[in-house]
Amino acid sequence: MPRLLKVLAVVAGILLAATAGLPADAHPFGAPQTATIAGTTGAPEVTWRFGATDDVAYLAVQVGALPPDRMTLDGVVLYEPGDETALARSEAYADYVLDHIRIEGCDGSVEASQDLIADGTTVTFDCPSPASATKIEIDMMTDLHPAYQTLASGPSGQKAAYAGAARSHGWSLDESRAAATGLSALLQLGGTLGAIALVVAGGWRLVLRRRQAEASASAS
């Protein structure tokens, strides 16, 4: 029995040492965070959303958007209505997002919706040297607990999981928004010219019929 107690003590010590660096107030084992990738290679867009409302309150305390006394003695931060608004208005939150959603060589700007739970936070990047496949890095909240993850989706059914050491993924985006806009305009112009041509052709046929009718009337 004494030997068993010693073994249990050793195991307990190992578990405590392994978890000592992990904050107790994180909630990484609930619903995952999500992200939507859109835009073009010159201006990629990432819209990131929280997976659970408690994570909103927890991150708000961590960046200083909510007072530290919101954290209970056992290290829990419970969500209260309005926490998402306080976080969205925080400059520290915008800085945090730009530190954890990145594209190398691109500048990002943050637009945090007042309703972060429903609409999320959108980061728009300006990439002076776009590539056909854009590498986007996301490690939101993994600095608070390594078990946090973000499930992302992009154009044409592309999907990726940002979890653990996998914090960077490549995404295929349209090469140029201008090119897409130009093609759309060209198609619209072609449709307009086609419609005009049909109208002109119809009018010319009507004129020919009238002339033929007048010629027949004169001959009779």
C-alpha atoms as a PDB file:
ATOM      1  CA  MET A   1       0.000   0.000   0.000  1.00  0.00           C
ATOM      2  CA  PRO A   2       2.744   2.547   0.832  1.00  0.00           C
ATOM      3  CA  ARG A   3       4.294   1.869  -2.561  1.00  0.00           C
ATOM      4  CA  LEU A   4       0.925   2.479  -4.278  1.00  0.00           C
ATOM      5  CA  LEU A   5       0.530   5.768  -2.435  1.00  0.00           C
ATOM      6  CA  LYS A   6       3.981   6.845  -3.584  1.00  0.00           C
ATOM      7  CA  VAL A   7       3.113   6.020  -7.206  1.00  0.00           C
ATOM      8  CA  LEU A   8      -0.135   7.987  -6.980  1.00  0.00           C
ATOM      9  CA  ALA A   9       1.704  10.935  -5.463  1.00  0.00           C
ATOM     10  CA  VAL A  10       4.222  10.914  -8.309  1.00  0.00           C
ATOM     11  CA  VAL A  11       1.459  10.776 -10.928  1.00  0.00           C
ATOM     12  CA  ALA A  12      -0.409  13.622  -9.228  1.00  0.00           C
ATOM     13  CA  GLY A  13       2.766  15.678  -9.173  1.00  0.00           C
ATOM     14  CA  ILE A  14       3.316  15.115 -12.879  1.00  0.00           C
ATOM     15  CA  LEU A  15      -0.262  16.156 -13.697  1.00  0.00           C
ATOM     16  CA  LEU A  16       0.021  19.301 -11.586  1.00  0.00           C
ATOM     17  CA  ALA A  17       3.306  20.234 -13.240  1.00  0.00           C
ATOM     18  CA  ALA A  18       1.839  19.677 -16.693  1.00  0.00           C
ATOM     19  CA  THR A  19      -1.193  21.860 -16.035  1.00  0.00           C
ATOM     20  CA  ALA A  20       0.414  24.542 -13.861  1.00  0.00           C
ATOM     21  CA  GLY A  21       0.989  26.875 -16.811  1.00  0.00           C
ATOM     22  CA  LEU A  22      -2.557  26.627 -18.139  1.00  0.00           C
ATOM     23  CA  PRO A  23      -5.051  29.284 -17.000  1.00  0.00           C
ATOM     24  CA  ALA A  24      -8.029  27.781 -15.195  1.00  0.00           C
ATOM     25  CA  ASP A  25     -10.452  30.393 -16.471  1.00  0.00           C
ATOM     26  CA  ALA A  26     -10.191  29.431 -20.176  1.00  0.00           C
ATOM     27  CA  HIS A  27     -13.005  27.469 -21.845  1.00  0.00           C
ATOM     28  CA  PRO A  28     -11.211  25.801 -24.771  1.00  0.00           C
ATOM     29  CA  PHE A  29     -13.171  22.537 -24.774  1.00  0.00           C
ATOM     30  CA  GLY A  30     -16.541  23.900 -25.845  1.00  0.00           C
ATOM     31  CA  ALA A  31     -17.691  24.884 -29.319  1.00  0.00           C
ATOM     32  CA  PRO A  32     -14.736  25.841 -31.568  1.00  0.00           C
ATOM     33  CA  GLN A  33     -14.192  29.335 -32.918  1.00  0.00           C
ATOM     34  CA  THR A  34     -14.964  29.781 -36.621  1.00  0.00           C
ATOM     35  CA  ALA A  35     -13.552  31.892 -39.455  1.00  0.00           C
ATOM     36  CA  THR A  36     -14.688  32.718 -42.977  1.00  0.00           C
ATOM     37  CA  ILE A  37     -12.050  33.502 -45.606  1.00  0.00           C
ATOM     38  CA  ALA A  38     -13.089  35.763 -48.511  1.00  0.00           C
ATOM     39  CA  GLY A  39     -11.847  38.648 -50.674  1.00  0.00           C
ATOM     40  CA  THR A  40      -9.047  38.515 -53.221  1.00  0.00           C
ATOM     41  CA  THR A  41      -5.300  37.947 -53.115  1.00  0.00           C
ATOM     42  CA  GLY A  42      -4.786  41.704 -53.013  1.00  0.00           C
ATOM     43  CA  ALA A  43      -7.388  42.237 -50.282  1.00  0.00           C
ATOM     44  CA  PRO A  44      -8.098  39.040 -48.330  1.00  0.00           C
ATOM     45  CA  GLU A  45     -10.781  39.175 -45.638  1.00  0.00           C
ATOM     46  CA  VAL A  46     -11.061  37.050 -42.502  1.00  0.00           C
ATOM     47  CA  THR A  47     -14.250  37.117 -40.416  1.00  0.00           C
ATOM     48  CA  TRP A  48     -13.650  35.430 -37.058  1.00  0.00           C
ATOM     49  CA  ARG A  49     -16.355  34.447 -34.553  1.00  0.00           C
ATOM     50  CA  PHE A  50     -16.359  33.232 -30.965  1.00  0.00           C
ATOM     51  CA  GLY A  51     -17.547  29.697 -30.298  1.00  0.00           C
ATOM     52  CA  ALA A  52     -19.006  30.374 -26.832  1.00  0.00           C
ATOM     53  CA  THR A  53     -20.273  33.479 -25.056  1.00  0.00           C
ATOM     54  CA  ASP A  54     -18.111  32.805 -21.989  1.00  0.00           C
ATOM     55  CA  ASP A  55     -15.047  33.145 -24.220  1.00  0.00           C
ATOM     56  CA  VAL A  56     -16.190  36.676 -25.086  1.00  0.00           C
ATOM     57  CA  ALA A  57     -16.208  37.638 -21.415  1.00  0.00           C
ATOM     58  CA  TYR A  58     -12.970  35.791 -20.710  1.00  0.00           C
ATOM     59  CA  LEU A  59     -11.032  37.522 -23.504  1.00  0.00           C
ATOM     60  CA  ALA A  60     -12.578  40.888 -22.550  1.00  0.00           C
ATOM     61  CA  VAL A  61     -11.091  40.534 -19.061  1.00  0.00           C
ATOM     62  CA  GLN A  62      -7.720  39.462 -20.480  1.00  0.00           C
ATOM     63  CA  VAL A  63      -7.387  42.541 -22.743  1.00  0.00           C
ATOM     64  CA  GLY A  64      -8.749  44.947 -20.118  1.00  0.00           C
ATOM     65  CA  ALA A  65     -12.133  45.641 -21.724  1.00  0.00           C
ATOM     66  CA  LEU A  66     -13.829  44.341 -18.549  1.00  0.00           C
ATOM     67  CA  PRO A  67     -12.655  44.798 -14.937  1.00  0.00           C
ATOM     68  CA  PRO A  68     -10.600  41.962 -13.416  1.00  0.00           C
ATOM     69  CA  ASP A  69     -13.122  41.479 -10.599  1.00  0.00           C
ATOM     70  CA  ARG A  70     -15.452  39.863 -13.159  1.00  0.00           C
ATOM     71  CA  MET A  71     -13.314  36.761 -12.694  1.00  0.00           C
ATOM     72  CA  THR A  72     -14.531  34.577  -9.844  1.00  0.00           C
ATOM     73  CA  LEU A  73     -12.260  33.135  -7.163  1.00  0.00           C
ATOM     74  CA  ASP A  74     -12.164  29.789  -8.957  1.00  0.00           C
ATOM     75  CA  GLY A  75     -10.979  31.473 -12.168  1.00  0.00           C
ATOM     76  CA  VAL A  76     -14.251  31.578 -14.133  1.00  0.00           C
ATOM     77  CA  VAL A  77     -15.573  34.530 -16.147  1.00  0.00           C
ATOM     78  CA  LEU A  78     -19.292  34.223 -16.882  1.00  0.00           C
ATOM     79  CA  TYR A  79     -20.844  36.084 -19.811  1.00  0.00           C
ATOM     80  CA  GLU A  80     -23.213  38.981 -19.184  1.00  0.00           C
ATOM     81  CA  PRO A  81     -25.242  40.832 -21.858  1.00  0.00           C
ATOM     82  CA  GLY A  82     -23.230  43.760 -23.183  1.00  0.00           C
ATOM     83  CA  ASP A  83     -19.824  42.106 -22.763  1.00  0.00           C
ATOM     84  CA  GLU A  84     -19.483  41.795 -26.534  1.00  0.00           C
ATOM     85  CA  THR A  85     -20.128  45.528 -26.972  1.00  0.00           C
ATOM     86  CA  ALA A  86     -17.465  46.427 -24.412  1.00  0.00           C
ATOM     87  CA  LEU A  87     -14.988  44.157 -26.151  1.00  0.00           C
ATOM     88  CA  ALA A  88     -15.823  45.456 -29.635  1.00  0.00           C
ATOM     89  CA  ARG A  89     -15.148  49.044 -28.530  1.00  0.00           C
ATOM     90  CA  SER A  90     -11.780  48.189 -27.013  1.00  0.00           C
ATOM     91  CA  GLU A  91      -8.675  49.296 -28.911  1.00  0.00           C
ATOM     92  CA  ALA A  92      -6.780  46.598 -27.044  1.00  0.00           C
ATOM     93  CA  TYR A  93      -9.060  44.003 -28.646  1.00  0.00           C
ATOM     94  CA  ALA A  94      -8.326  45.360 -32.136  1.00  0.00           C
ATOM     95  CA  ASP A  95      -4.598  45.160 -31.387  1.00  0.00           C
ATOM     96  CA  TYR A  96      -5.034  41.619 -30.086  1.00  0.00           C
ATOM     97  CA  VAL A  97      -6.845  40.548 -33.264  1.00  0.00           C
ATOM     98  CA  LEU A  98      -4.111  41.962 -35.504  1.00  0.00           C
ATOM     99  CA  ASP A  99      -1.508  40.099 -33.441  1.00  0.00           C
ATOM    100  CA  HIS A 100      -3.325  36.788 -33.889  1.00  0.00           C
ATOM    101  CA  ILE A 101      -4.760  36.997 -37.422  1.00  0.00           C
ATOM    102  CA  ARG A 102      -1.911  37.740 -39.802  1.00  0.00           C
ATOM    103  CA  ILE A 103      -0.686  37.572 -43.388  1.00  0.00           C
ATOM    104  CA  GLU A 104       3.035  38.104 -43.846  1.00  0.00           C
ATOM    105  CA  GLY A 105       3.781  41.269 -45.801  1.00  0.00           C
ATOM    106  CA  CYS A 106       0.207  42.570 -45.564  1.00  0.00           C
ATOM    107  CA  ASP A 107      -1.306  45.331 -43.433  1.00  0.00           C
ATOM    108  CA  GLY A 108      -4.592  44.564 -41.683  1.00  0.00           C
ATOM    109  CA  SER A 109      -7.462  46.699 -40.454  1.00  0.00           C
ATOM    110  CA  VAL A 110     -10.069  45.532 -37.947  1.00  0.00           C
ATOM    111  CA  GLU A 111     -13.832  46.045 -38.008  1.00  0.00           C
ATOM    112  CA  ALA A 112     -15.428  44.612 -34.884  1.00  0.00           C
ATOM    113  CA  SER A 113     -19.202  44.378 -34.987  1.00  0.00           C
ATOM    114  CA  GLN A 114     -21.091  45.579 -31.913  1.00  0.00           C
ATOM    115  CA  ASP A 115     -22.609  42.086 -31.878  1.00  0.00           C
ATOM    116  CA  LEU A 116     -19.453  39.999 -31.886  1.00  0.00           C
ATOM    117  CA  ILE A 117     -21.376  36.812 -31.187  1.00  0.00           C
ATOM    118  CA  ALA A 118     -23.561  36.982 -34.298  1.00  0.00           C
ATOM    119  CA  ASP A 119     -21.452  38.994 -36.746  1.00  0.00           C
ATOM    120  CA  GLY A 120     -17.902  38.431 -35.531  1.00  0.00           C
ATOM    121  CA  THR A 121     -14.798  40.485 -36.271  1.00  0.00           C
ATOM    122  CA  THR A 122     -13.586  41.152 -39.809  1.00  0.00           C
ATOM    123  CA  VAL A 123      -9.945  41.770 -40.677  1.00  0.00           C
ATOM    124  CA  THR A 124      -9.295  43.206 -44.143  1.00  0.00           C
ATOM    125  CA  PHE A 125      -5.755  43.002 -45.474  1.00  0.00           C
ATOM    126  CA  ASP A 126      -3.911  45.146 -47.993  1.00  0.00           C
ATOM    127  CA  CYS A 127      -1.353  42.965 -49.788  1.00  0.00           C
ATOM    128  CA  PRO A 128       0.941  44.896 -52.156  1.00  0.00           C
ATOM    129  CA  SER A 129       2.401  41.653 -53.574  1.00  0.00           C
ATOM    130  CA  PRO A 130      -0.554  39.272 -53.900  1.00  0.00           C
ATOM    131  CA  ALA A 131      -0.090  35.584 -54.651  1.00  0.00           C
ATOM    132  CA  SER A 132      -2.519  33.050 -56.091  1.00  0.00           C
ATOM    133  CA  ALA A 133      -2.453  31.156 -52.776  1.00  0.00           C
ATOM    134  CA  THR A 134      -2.502  33.324 -49.657  1.00  0.00           C
ATOM    135  CA  LYS A 135      -1.095  32.001 -46.382  1.00  0.00           C
ATOM    136  CA  ILE A 136      -3.232  33.166 -43.478  1.00  0.00           C
ATOM    137  CA  GLU A 137      -2.141  32.671 -39.872  1.00  0.00           C
ATOM    138  CA  ILE A 138      -4.734  32.391 -37.096  1.00  0.00           C
ATOM    139  CA  ASP A 139      -3.961  31.604 -33.465  1.00  0.00           C
ATOM    140  CA  MET A 140      -6.744  33.462 -31.688  1.00  0.00           C
ATOM    141  CA  MET A 141      -6.872  32.626 -27.960  1.00  0.00           C
ATOM    142  CA  THR A 142      -4.258  29.874 -28.191  1.00  0.00           C
ATOM    143  CA  ASP A 143      -1.987  32.075 -26.071  1.00  0.00           C
ATOM    144  CA  LEU A 144      -4.641  31.761 -23.355  1.00  0.00           C
ATOM    145  CA  HIS A 145      -4.954  27.990 -23.729  1.00  0.00           C
ATOM    146  CA  PRO A 146      -3.341  25.781 -26.405  1.00  0.00           C
ATOM    147  CA  ALA A 147      -6.520  23.720 -26.834  1.00  0.00           C
ATOM    148  CA  TYR A 148      -8.406  26.585 -28.471  1.00  0.00           C
ATOM    149  CA  GLN A 149      -9.004  26.031 -32.187  1.00  0.00           C
ATOM    150  CA  THR A 150     -10.598  27.785 -35.147  1.00  0.00           C
ATOM    151  CA  LEU A 151     -12.428  25.965 -37.921  1.00  0.00           C
ATOM    152  CA  ALA A 152     -12.189  27.994 -41.139  1.00  0.00           C
ATOM    153  CA  SER A 153     -13.972  27.852 -44.490  1.00  0.00           C
ATOM    154  CA  GLY A 154     -13.233  29.657 -47.740  1.00  0.00           C
ATOM    155  CA  PRO A 155     -14.257  29.959 -51.400  1.00  0.00           C
ATOM    156  CA  SER A 156     -15.179  26.858 -53.430  1.00  0.00           C
ATOM    157  CA  GLY A 157     -15.588  24.660 -50.373  1.00  0.00           C
ATOM    158  CA  GLN A 158     -12.059  25.141 -48.978  1.00  0.00           C
ATOM    159  CA  LYS A 159     -11.729  24.202 -45.292  1.00  0.00           C
ATOM    160  CA  ALA A 160      -8.954  24.155 -42.699  1.00  0.00           C
ATOM    161  CA  ALA A 161      -8.554  23.645 -38.958  1.00  0.00           C
ATOM    162  CA  TYR A 162      -6.299  26.017 -37.036  1.00  0.00           C
ATOM    163  CA  ALA A 163      -5.390  23.860 -34.044  1.00  0.00           C
ATOM    164  CA  GLY A 164      -2.267  22.980 -32.109  1.00  0.00           C
ATOM    165  CA  ALA A 165       0.849  23.624 -34.156  1.00  0.00           C
ATOM    166  CA  ALA A 166      -1.182  24.084 -37.368  1.00  0.00           C
ATOM    167  CA  ARG A 167      -1.556  27.847 -37.248  1.00  0.00           C
ATOM    168  CA  SER A 168      -0.953  28.676 -40.916  1.00  0.00           C
ATOM    169  CA  HIS A 169      -2.889  27.532 -43.978  1.00  0.00           C
ATOM    170  CA  GLY A 170      -2.867  28.496 -47.649  1.00  0.00           C
ATOM    171  CA  TRP A 171      -6.053  29.711 -49.343  1.00  0.00           C
ATOM    172  CA  SER A 172      -6.776  30.070 -53.054  1.00  0.00           C
ATOM    173  CA  LEU A 173      -8.475  33.376 -53.734  1.00  0.00           C
ATOM    174  CA  ASP A 174      -9.350  35.342 -56.876  1.00  0.00           C
ATOM    175  CA  GLU A 175      -6.242  37.057 -58.173  1.00  0.00           C
ATOM    176  CA  SER A 176      -7.824  40.456 -58.669  1.00  0.00           C
ATOM    177  CA  ARG A 177     -11.052  42.088 -57.654  1.00  0.00           C
ATOM    178  CA  ALA A 178     -10.549  44.542 -60.505  1.00  0.00           C
ATOM    179  CA  ALA A 179     -10.304  41.682 -62.994  1.00  0.00           C
ATOM    180  CA  ALA A 180     -13.505  40.138 -61.681  1.00  0.00           C
ATOM    181  CA  THR A 181     -15.250  43.509 -61.812  1.00  0.00           C
ATOM    182  CA  GLY A 182     -13.943  44.119 -65.336  1.00  0.00           C
ATOM    183  CA  LEU A 183     -15.206  40.753 -66.533  1.00  0.00           C
ATOM    184  CA  SER A 184     -18.603  41.428 -65.026  1.00  0.00           C
ATOM    185  CA  ALA A 185     -18.732  44.827 -66.686  1.00  0.00           C
ATOM    186  CA  LEU A 186     -17.699  43.307 -69.999  1.00  0.00           C
ATOM    187  CA  LEU A 187     -20.451  40.715 -69.786  1.00  0.00           C
ATOM    188  CA  GLN A 188     -23.001  43.400 -68.924  1.00  0.00           C
ATOM    189  CA  LEU A 189     -21.815  45.545 -71.839  1.00  0.00           C
ATOM    190  CA  GLY A 190     -22.032  42.565 -74.174  1.00  0.00           C
ATOM    191  CA  GLY A 191     -25.575  41.868 -73.026  1.00  0.00           C
ATOM    192  CA  THR A 192     -26.577  45.499 -73.546  1.00  0.00           C
ATOM    193  CA  LEU A 193     -25.078  45.657 -77.036  1.00  0.00           C
ATOM    194  CA  GLY A 194     -26.806  42.386 -77.907  1.00  0.00           C
ATOM    195  CA  ALA A 195     -30.151  43.762 -76.803  1.00  0.00           C
ATOM    196  CA  ILE A 196     -29.594  46.936 -78.855  1.00  0.00           C
ATOM    197  CA  ALA A 197     -28.701  44.840 -81.895  1.00  0.00           C
ATOM    198  CA  LEU A 198     -31.934  42.849 -81.555  1.00  0.00           C
ATOM    199  CA  VAL A 199     -33.975  46.032 -81.326  1.00  0.00           C
ATOM    200  CA  VAL A 200     -32.278  47.497 -84.417  1.00  0.00           C
ATOM    201  CA  ALA A 201     -32.762  44.269 -86.356  1.00  0.00           C
ATOM    202  CA  GLY A 202     -36.435  44.145 -85.410  1.00  0.00           C
ATOM    203  CA  GLY A 203     -36.948  47.752 -86.481  1.00  0.00           C
ATOM    204  CA  TRP A 204     -35.214  47.186 -89.837  1.00  0.00           C
ATOM    205  CA  ARG A 205     -37.426  44.174 -90.542  1.00  0.00           C
ATOM    206  CA  LEU A 206     -40.514  46.272 -89.811  1.00  0.00           C
ATOM    207  CA  VAL A 207     -39.337  48.956 -92.252  1.00  0.00           C
ATOM    208  CA  LEU A 208     -38.758  46.341 -94.972  1.00  0.00           C
ATOM    209  CA  ARG A 209     -42.235  44.880 -94.467  1.00  0.00           C
ATOM    210  CA  ARG A 210     -43.819  48.326 -94.753  1.00  0.00           C
ATOM    211  CA  ARG A 211     -41.916  49.056 -97.965  1.00  0.00           C
ATOM    212  CA  GLN A 212     -42.953  45.715 -99.421  1.00  0.00           C
ATOM    213  CA  ALA A 213     -46.568  46.408 -98.489  1.00  0.00           C
ATOM    214  CA  GLU A 214     -46.446  49.881-100.089  1.00  0.00           C
ATOM    215  CA  ALA A 215     -44.854  48.456-103.231  1.00  0.00           C
ATOM    216  CA  SER A 216     -47.579  45.806-103.519  1.00  0.00           C
ATOM    217  CA  ALA A 217     -50.315  48.416-103.033  1.00  0.00           C
ATOM    218  CA  SER A 218     -48.825  50.649-105.786  1.00  0.00           C
ATOM    219  CA  ALA A 219     -48.534  47.719-108.211  1.00  0.00           C
ATOM    220  CA  SER A 220     -52.161  46.808-107.754  1.00  0.00           C
END
